[in-house]
C-alpha atoms as a PDB file:
ATOM      1  CA  MET A   1     -33.596   3.960  30.603  1.00  0.00           C
ATOM      2  CA  GLU A   2     -31.522   5.741  33.236  1.00  0.00           C
ATOM      3  CA  PHE A   3     -28.147   4.912  34.724  1.00  0.00           C
ATOM      4  CA  GLU A   4     -25.681   6.679  36.974  1.00  0.00           C
ATOM      5  CA  ILE A   5     -21.945   7.180  36.689  1.00  0.00           C
ATOM      6  CA  ASN A   6     -19.672   9.212  38.938  1.00  0.00           C
ATOM      7  CA  GLY A   7     -22.682  10.783  40.656  1.00  0.00           C
ATOM      8  CA  THR A   8     -24.338  11.910  37.408  1.00  0.00           C
ATOM      9  CA  LYS A   9     -27.593  10.522  36.028  1.00  0.00           C
ATOM     10  CA  TRP A  10     -27.699   9.742  32.317  1.00  0.00           C
ATOM     11  CA  THR A  11     -30.535   8.625  30.051  1.00  0.00           C
ATOM     12  CA  ILE A  12     -30.494   6.232  27.099  1.00  0.00           C
ATOM     13  CA  GLU A  13     -33.148   6.907  24.478  1.00  0.00           C
ATOM     14  CA  ILE A  14     -33.930   4.872  21.387  1.00  0.00           C
ATOM     15  CA  VAL A  15     -34.850   7.366  18.689  1.00  0.00           C
ATOM     16  CA  ASN A  16     -35.995   7.393  15.076  1.00  0.00           C
ATOM     17  CA  GLU A  17     -33.944   8.815  12.213  1.00  0.00           C
ATOM     18  CA  THR A  18     -35.676  12.204  12.379  1.00  0.00           C
ATOM     19  CA  LYS A  19     -34.713  12.736  16.023  1.00  0.00           C
ATOM     20  CA  MET A  20     -31.165  11.486  15.445  1.00  0.00           C
ATOM     21  CA  HIS A  21     -30.712  13.851  12.522  1.00  0.00           C
ATOM     22  CA  ASP A  22     -32.098  16.732  14.575  1.00  0.00           C
ATOM     23  CA  GLU A  23     -29.128  16.154  16.896  1.00  0.00           C
ATOM     24  CA  THR A  24     -26.399  15.666  14.276  1.00  0.00           C
ATOM     25  CA  GLU A  25     -25.912  16.419  10.600  1.00  0.00           C
ATOM     26  CA  ASN A  26     -24.123  13.123   9.991  1.00  0.00           C
ATOM     27  CA  ARG A  27     -26.655  10.861   8.252  1.00  0.00           C
ATOM     28  CA  TYR A  28     -24.668   7.744   9.161  1.00  0.00           C
ATOM     29  CA  THR A  29     -24.840   8.237  12.938  1.00  0.00           C
ATOM     30  CA  LEU A  30     -26.107   5.156  14.783  1.00  0.00           C
ATOM     31  CA  GLY A  31     -25.558   6.529  18.278  1.00  0.00           C
ATOM     32  CA  LEU A  32     -24.760   9.856  19.866  1.00  0.00           C
ATOM     33  CA  THR A  33     -23.637  11.033  23.297  1.00  0.00           C
ATOM     34  CA  VAL A  34     -24.902  14.511  24.194  1.00  0.00           C
ATOM     35  CA  TYR A  35     -23.020  15.744  27.246  1.00  0.00           C
ATOM     36  CA  LYS A  36     -24.951  18.750  28.536  1.00  0.00           C
ATOM     37  CA  PRO A  37     -28.312  16.971  28.999  1.00  0.00           C
ATOM     38  CA  GLN A  38     -26.503  13.675  29.825  1.00  0.00           C
ATOM     39  CA  LYS A  39     -28.191  11.625  27.105  1.00  0.00           C
ATOM     40  CA  ILE A  40     -27.261   8.776  24.811  1.00  0.00           C
ATOM     41  CA  TYR A  41     -29.349   8.472  21.658  1.00  0.00           C
ATOM     42  CA  LEU A  42     -29.447   5.124  19.855  1.00  0.00           C
ATOM     43  CA  LEU A  43     -30.954   4.789  16.405  1.00  0.00           C
ATOM     44  CA  GLN A  44     -33.843   2.349  16.595  1.00  0.00           C
ATOM     45  CA  GLU A  45     -33.854  -0.922  14.723  1.00  0.00           C
ATOM     46  CA  HIS A  46     -30.300  -1.145  13.498  1.00  0.00           C
ATOM     47  CA  ALA A  47     -28.337  -4.382  13.599  1.00  0.00           C
ATOM     48  CA  ASN A  48     -25.536  -3.300  15.948  1.00  0.00           C
ATOM     49  CA  ILE A  49     -27.410  -1.409  18.659  1.00  0.00           C
ATOM     50  CA  ILE A  50     -25.516  -3.103  21.531  1.00  0.00           C
ATOM     51  CA  ARG A  51     -22.123  -2.418  19.974  1.00  0.00           C
ATOM     52  CA  THR A  52     -23.237   1.179  19.439  1.00  0.00           C
ATOM     53  CA  LEU A  53     -24.385   1.415  23.065  1.00  0.00           C
ATOM     54  CA  LYS A  54     -20.997   0.144  24.268  1.00  0.00           C
ATOM     55  CA  HIS A  55     -19.279   2.726  22.069  1.00  0.00           C
ATOM     56  CA  GLU A  56     -21.407   5.563  23.449  1.00  0.00           C
ATOM     57  CA  LEU A  57     -20.925   4.349  27.025  1.00  0.00           C
ATOM     58  CA  MET A  58     -17.173   4.676  26.516  1.00  0.00           C
ATOM     59  CA  HIS A  59     -17.674   8.332  25.543  1.00  0.00           C
ATOM     60  CA  VAL A  60     -19.685   8.789  28.751  1.00  0.00           C
ATOM     61  CA  TRP A  61     -17.058   7.041  30.882  1.00  0.00           C
ATOM     62  CA  LEU A  62     -14.214   9.058  29.373  1.00  0.00           C
ATOM     63  CA  TYR A  63     -16.164  12.306  29.856  1.00  0.00           C
ATOM     64  CA  GLU A  64     -17.203  11.563  33.437  1.00  0.00           C
ATOM     65  CA  TYR A  65     -13.670  10.669  34.494  1.00  0.00           C
ATOM     66  CA  GLY A  66     -11.981  13.624  32.804  1.00  0.00           C
ATOM     67  CA  HIS A  67     -10.235  11.955  29.888  1.00  0.00           C
ATOM     68  CA  ALA A  68      -9.588  14.029  26.766  1.00  0.00           C
ATOM     69  CA  GLN A  69     -11.708  13.212  23.729  1.00  0.00           C
ATOM     70  CA  ASP A  70     -10.500  15.747  21.224  1.00  0.00           C
ATOM     71  CA  ASP A  71      -8.978  14.766  17.906  1.00  0.00           C
ATOM     72  CA  ASP A  72      -5.560  16.180  18.798  1.00  0.00           C
ATOM     73  CA  PHE A  73      -5.055  13.852  21.758  1.00  0.00           C
ATOM     74  CA  SER A  74      -3.868  10.273  21.462  1.00  0.00           C
ATOM     75  CA  TYR A  75      -3.662   7.452  23.975  1.00  0.00           C
ATOM     76  CA  ASN A  76      -0.788   5.005  24.183  1.00  0.00           C
ATOM     77  CA  ALA A  77      -1.201   1.260  24.676  1.00  0.00           C
ATOM     78  CA  GLU A  78      -0.927   1.502  28.474  1.00  0.00           C
ATOM     79  CA  ASP A  79      -3.616   4.208  28.554  1.00  0.00           C
ATOM     80  CA  ILE A  80      -5.950   2.062  26.465  1.00  0.00           C
ATOM     81  CA  CYS A  81      -5.377  -1.021  28.627  1.00  0.00           C
ATOM     82  CA  GLU A  82      -6.100   0.961  31.800  1.00  0.00           C
ATOM     83  CA  ILE A  83      -9.226   2.557  30.321  1.00  0.00           C
ATOM     84  CA  VAL A  84     -10.604  -0.816  29.215  1.00  0.00           C
ATOM     85  CA  ALA A  85      -9.813  -2.434  32.554  1.00  0.00           C
ATOM     86  CA  SER A  86     -11.342   0.449  34.502  1.00  0.00           C
ATOM     87  CA  SER A  87     -14.469   0.869  32.389  1.00  0.00           C
ATOM     88  CA  ASN A  88     -15.357  -2.759  31.643  1.00  0.00           C
ATOM     89  CA  THR A  89     -17.570  -3.382  34.683  1.00  0.00           C
ATOM     90  CA  PHE A  90     -19.479  -0.120  34.170  1.00  0.00           C
ATOM     91  CA  VAL A  91     -20.136  -0.828  30.481  1.00  0.00           C
ATOM     92  CA  ASN A  92     -21.229  -4.425  31.107  1.00  0.00           C
ATOM     93  CA  GLU A  93     -23.573  -3.426  33.946  1.00  0.00           C
ATOM     94  CA  VAL A  94     -25.320  -0.742  31.881  1.00  0.00           C
ATOM     95  CA  VAL A  95     -25.600  -3.017  28.831  1.00  0.00           C
ATOM     96  CA  TYR A  96     -27.104  -5.754  31.009  1.00  0.00           C
ATOM     97  CA  LYS A  97     -29.623  -3.285  32.475  1.00  0.00           C
ATOM     98  CA  PHE A  98     -30.457  -2.025  28.971  1.00  0.00           C
ATOM     99  CA  LEU A  99     -30.959  -5.536  27.593  1.00  0.00           C
ATOM    100  CA  LYS A 100     -33.122  -6.482  30.539  1.00  0.00           C
ATOM    101  CA  ALA A 101     -35.294  -3.384  29.964  1.00  0.00           C
ATOM    102  CA  GLN A 102     -35.547  -4.148  26.224  1.00  0.00           C
ATOM    103  CA  LYS A 103     -36.172  -7.901  26.546  1.00  0.00           C
ATOM    104  CA  PRO A 104     -39.992  -7.820  26.273  1.00  0.00           C
ATOM    105  CA  GLN A 105     -39.819  -5.529  23.224  1.00  0.00           C
ATOM    106  CA  HIS A 106     -37.118  -7.375  21.316  1.00  0.00           C
ATOM    107  CA  GLU A 107     -37.532 -11.013  22.281  1.00  0.00           C
ATOM    108  CA  GLY A 108     -35.061 -13.070  20.236  1.00  0.00           C
ATOM    109  CA  LYS A 109     -33.510 -10.113  18.361  1.00  0.00           C
ATOM    110  CA  HIS A 110     -30.264  -9.751  20.327  1.00  0.00           C
ATOM    111  CA  GLU A 111     -26.771  -9.935  18.931  1.00  0.00           C
ATOM    112  CA  LYS A 112     -24.742 -13.114  19.074  1.00  0.00           C
ATOM    113  CA  ASN A 113     -22.889 -13.796  22.360  1.00  0.00           C
ATOM    114  CA  GLU A 114     -25.252 -11.696  24.488  1.00  0.00           C
ATOM    115  CA  VAL A 115     -26.472 -13.186  27.728  1.00  0.00           C
ATOM    116  CA  ILE A 116     -29.855 -12.149  29.069  1.00  0.00           C
ATOM    117  CA  GLU A 117     -31.103 -13.628  32.312  1.00  0.00           C
END
C-alpha cells in the first residue's frame, strides 16, 4: 500500500520473518521504517500489527518533518503534545487506508476499537 506525506511517497509492505530479518538483526522486530527507500515493513500475522503500524508512521512523520530521532535527543511534554496533535490526522488517515486495503484478507481479525467502514 502506498501513501504520501510532505510530498514523499512511502510504501507499507507486510513481510515474513525472513524478509524482516534481512533488514534488521533484531529478532524481536515487528515493524521497521527504512528511510532511504521510503518503506515501512510490518511483520505478517502478529497480534498488534495496527499498533506497530502507528508506531512506524510516527517515525515517518518525525523524519519527514525534520524532528530528531537519535538516542541523545529528548522531547519535553510540550514537544510531545504538539507532535501528537500535529500527527494524529495523518496517522489515522493512513491506518484507515491500510485497514480498508486489508479488509478482504483479514475479515474479522482486527484489533479491538478499530472502525472499518
